[in-house]
Amino acid sequence: MPADTFPVEAGHVMAFARAIGDFNPVYHDARAAAASEVGGIIAPPTFVQASAHFDDDYPLRPRPGVRWFGSGRFASGTAEADRDDGATKPASDRGTGLHAEQHYLYHRPIRAGEVLTLNVSPGATWEKQGRRGGLLTFREVTIDYVDKDGDVVVSARAVSVMTSQAVRD
């Protein structure tokens, strides 16, 4: 579950824009942004994904004293990666999940200095038989990012897919 609120800070906007390689001055230069048609610093597309940084329970964030999921074929902190001899255990027969789709609908630009409230709504769920991973379960979630006046600024719709069994090479 994402954070309930998302402060849009100018420094966070600048760091995000740099991380994605977008050096448009409307994302970091207050003077240039004010003189532009947008009238001030705005956030780049996909910036709402950074709301996860404000979620205390975000599962991909490392925490002191807590095993971290990490990355790679056998993510650190998982049973498959736990071997005293340093070797990697084979994957289990449990399924795996992935982020399958992401859609954004912008109703207006996101402005530095505002605080957005997140309204999360589950969407459709459906299944399809896969060729290698068994039954595939798709789940849709919509998050509306709402400003202080109650207006939706951005609607984000994500689709995830879970396999019923691990895919073997």
Protein backbone atom coordinates (compact mmCIF):
# COMPACT_ATOMS: atom_id res chain seq x y z
CA MET A 1 0.00 0.00 0.00
CA PRO A 2 1.51 3.36 -0.95
CA ALA A 3 1.84 6.28 1.44
CA ASP A 4 -1.33 8.26 2.18
CA THR A 5 0.23 11.58 1.22
CA PHE A 6 3.03 12.58 -1.12
CA PRO A 7 4.87 15.90 -0.62
CA VAL A 8 6.18 17.19 -3.94
CA GLU A 9 9.49 18.78 -3.02
CA ALA A 10 11.59 20.75 -5.53
CA GLY A 11 14.79 18.88 -4.58
CA HIS A 12 13.07 15.53 -4.99
CA VAL A 13 11.74 16.62 -8.41
CA MET A 14 15.24 17.69 -9.48
CA ALA A 15 16.85 14.44 -8.27
CA PHE A 16 14.18 12.34 -10.01
CA ALA A 17 14.60 14.26 -13.29
CA ARG A 18 18.38 13.82 -13.13
CA ALA A 19 17.98 10.11 -12.37
CA ILE A 20 15.91 9.60 -15.52
CA GLY A 21 18.26 11.78 -17.58
CA ASP A 22 15.79 14.61 -18.24
CA PHE A 23 17.52 17.98 -17.84
CA ASN A 24 14.61 20.22 -18.85
CA PRO A 25 14.98 23.41 -16.76
CA VAL A 26 11.29 23.32 -15.71
CA TYR A 27 12.30 20.45 -13.41
CA HIS A 28 15.14 22.21 -11.58
CA ASP A 29 15.59 25.92 -12.42
CA ALA A 30 12.99 28.07 -10.60
CA ARG A 31 13.74 31.18 -12.68
CA ALA A 32 13.56 29.39 -16.04
CA ALA A 33 10.46 27.47 -14.96
CA ALA A 34 8.71 30.68 -13.82
CA ALA A 35 9.41 32.30 -17.21
CA SER A 36 8.08 29.27 -19.10
CA GLU A 37 4.50 28.42 -20.04
CA VAL A 38 4.21 26.15 -16.96
CA GLY A 39 4.96 29.08 -14.62
CA GLY A 40 7.03 27.20 -12.03
CA ILE A 41 8.83 23.98 -11.24
CA ILE A 42 6.81 20.94 -12.25
CA ALA A 43 7.49 17.21 -11.94
CA PRO A 44 8.46 15.06 -14.93
CA PRO A 45 6.27 12.24 -16.23
CA THR A 46 6.26 9.10 -14.04
CA PHE A 47 7.28 11.17 -10.97
CA VAL A 48 4.29 9.87 -9.01
CA GLN A 49 6.10 6.52 -8.77
CA ALA A 50 8.41 8.27 -6.29
CA SER A 51 5.51 8.33 -3.82
CA ALA A 52 6.80 4.89 -2.76
CA HIS A 53 9.67 6.71 -1.04
CA PHE A 54 7.16 8.03 1.49
CA ASP A 55 5.66 4.60 2.23
CA ASP A 56 7.13 3.25 5.47
CA ASP A 57 6.24 -0.29 4.40
CA TYR A 58 7.65 -0.15 0.85
CA PRO A 59 9.02 -3.71 0.44
CA LEU A 60 11.97 -2.85 -1.82
CA ARG A 61 13.58 -0.37 0.61
CA PRO A 62 16.48 -1.67 2.71
CA ARG A 63 15.95 -1.37 6.47
CA PRO A 64 18.50 -1.79 9.27
CA GLY A 65 18.28 -5.27 10.80
CA VAL A 66 15.74 -6.51 8.24
CA ARG A 67 16.56 -8.87 5.40
CA TRP A 68 16.34 -6.98 2.13
CA PHE A 69 14.71 -8.39 -0.98
CA GLY A 70 17.45 -6.95 -3.19
CA SER A 71 17.73 -7.85 -6.85
CA GLY A 72 19.13 -10.39 -9.25
CA ARG A 73 18.03 -13.84 -10.30
CA PHE A 74 17.97 -14.94 -6.66
CA ALA A 75 17.31 -11.81 -4.69
CA SER A 76 19.25 -11.38 -1.48
CA GLY A 77 17.13 -12.03 1.57
CA THR A 78 15.18 -14.87 -0.05
CA ALA A 79 15.39 -18.57 0.76
CA GLU A 80 16.87 -19.27 -2.68
CA ALA A 81 19.88 -17.05 -1.87
CA ASP A 82 20.50 -18.48 1.64
CA ARG A 83 23.34 -20.99 1.54
CA ASP A 84 26.11 -21.28 4.09
CA ASP A 85 28.56 -22.28 1.37
CA GLY A 86 27.78 -19.21 -0.76
CA ALA A 87 26.23 -21.27 -3.56
CA THR A 88 22.82 -20.34 -4.90
CA LYS A 89 19.91 -22.67 -4.28
CA PRO A 90 17.61 -23.41 -7.21
CA ALA A 91 14.34 -21.53 -7.43
CA SER A 92 11.36 -23.09 -5.70
CA ASP A 93 8.20 -24.14 -7.45
CA ARG A 94 6.30 -21.12 -6.21
CA GLY A 95 5.18 -18.56 -8.72
CA THR A 96 6.72 -15.22 -9.42
CA GLY A 97 5.24 -11.80 -10.04
CA LEU A 98 6.02 -8.86 -12.23
CA HIS A 99 4.80 -5.41 -13.09
CA ALA A 100 3.10 -5.86 -16.46
CA GLU A 101 1.66 -2.44 -17.39
CA GLN A 102 1.59 1.17 -16.24
CA HIS A 103 -0.64 3.95 -17.55
CA TYR A 104 -0.78 7.61 -16.51
CA LEU A 105 -3.49 10.16 -17.15
CA TYR A 106 -2.36 13.70 -16.32
CA HIS A 107 -5.15 16.14 -15.56
CA ARG A 108 -2.64 18.96 -14.94
CA PRO A 109 1.08 19.30 -14.16
CA ILE A 110 2.32 18.29 -10.72
CA ARG A 111 3.77 21.38 -9.03
CA ALA A 112 6.64 21.57 -6.57
CA GLY A 113 5.39 22.58 -3.12
CA GLU A 114 2.07 20.80 -3.18
CA VAL A 115 1.08 17.76 -1.15
CA LEU A 116 -0.93 15.11 -2.95
CA THR A 117 -3.24 12.60 -1.30
CA LEU A 118 -3.35 9.10 -2.74
CA ASN A 119 -6.65 7.31 -3.29
CA VAL A 120 -6.02 3.65 -4.09
CA SER A 121 -8.71 1.54 -5.77
CA PRO A 122 -8.47 -2.11 -6.74
CA GLY A 123 -9.54 -2.78 -10.29
CA ALA A 124 -10.26 -5.86 -12.34
CA THR A 125 -8.72 -9.28 -11.74
CA TRP A 126 -8.55 -11.88 -14.47
CA GLU A 127 -6.74 -15.10 -15.31
CA LYS A 128 -5.16 -16.59 -18.40
CA GLN A 129 -3.37 -19.86 -18.99
CA GLY A 130 0.33 -19.26 -19.65
CA ARG A 131 2.56 -21.42 -21.80
CA ARG A 132 5.47 -21.74 -19.34
CA GLY A 133 4.35 -20.34 -15.98
CA GLY A 134 1.03 -22.11 -15.52
CA LEU A 135 -2.00 -20.03 -14.64
CA LEU A 136 -1.40 -16.26 -14.84
CA THR A 137 -3.37 -13.99 -12.51
CA PHE A 138 -3.60 -10.33 -13.51
CA ARG A 139 -4.52 -7.61 -11.01
CA GLU A 140 -5.24 -3.99 -11.73
CA VAL A 141 -4.85 -1.10 -9.25
CA THR A 142 -5.65 2.58 -9.80
CA ILE A 143 -4.15 5.38 -7.75
CA ASP A 144 -5.59 8.89 -8.02
CA TYR A 145 -3.23 11.63 -6.82
CA VAL A 146 -5.46 14.39 -5.45
CA ASP A 147 -4.54 18.00 -4.56
CA LYS A 148 -5.64 20.02 -1.51
CA ASP A 149 -8.79 21.19 -3.35
CA GLY A 150 -9.88 17.60 -4.00
CA ASP A 151 -9.03 17.72 -7.71
CA VAL A 152 -7.38 14.68 -9.30
CA VAL A 153 -3.97 15.69 -10.66
CA VAL A 154 -2.81 12.30 -11.99
CA SER A 155 -4.50 8.91 -12.33
CA ALA A 156 -2.09 5.97 -12.45
CA ARG A 157 -3.25 2.49 -13.39
CA ALA A 158 -0.97 -0.50 -12.89
CA VAL A 159 -1.39 -4.13 -13.87
CA SER A 160 0.63 -6.88 -12.18
CA VAL A 161 0.80 -10.53 -13.12
CA MET A 162 1.54 -13.51 -10.90
CA THR A 163 2.48 -16.93 -12.25
CA SER A 164 1.18 -20.01 -10.46
CA GLN A 165 4.54 -21.76 -10.75
CA ALA A 166 8.14 -20.79 -11.34
CA VAL A 167 9.23 -20.67 -14.96
CA ARG A 168 12.03 -23.15 -15.66
CA ASP A 169 14.74 -22.54 -18.26
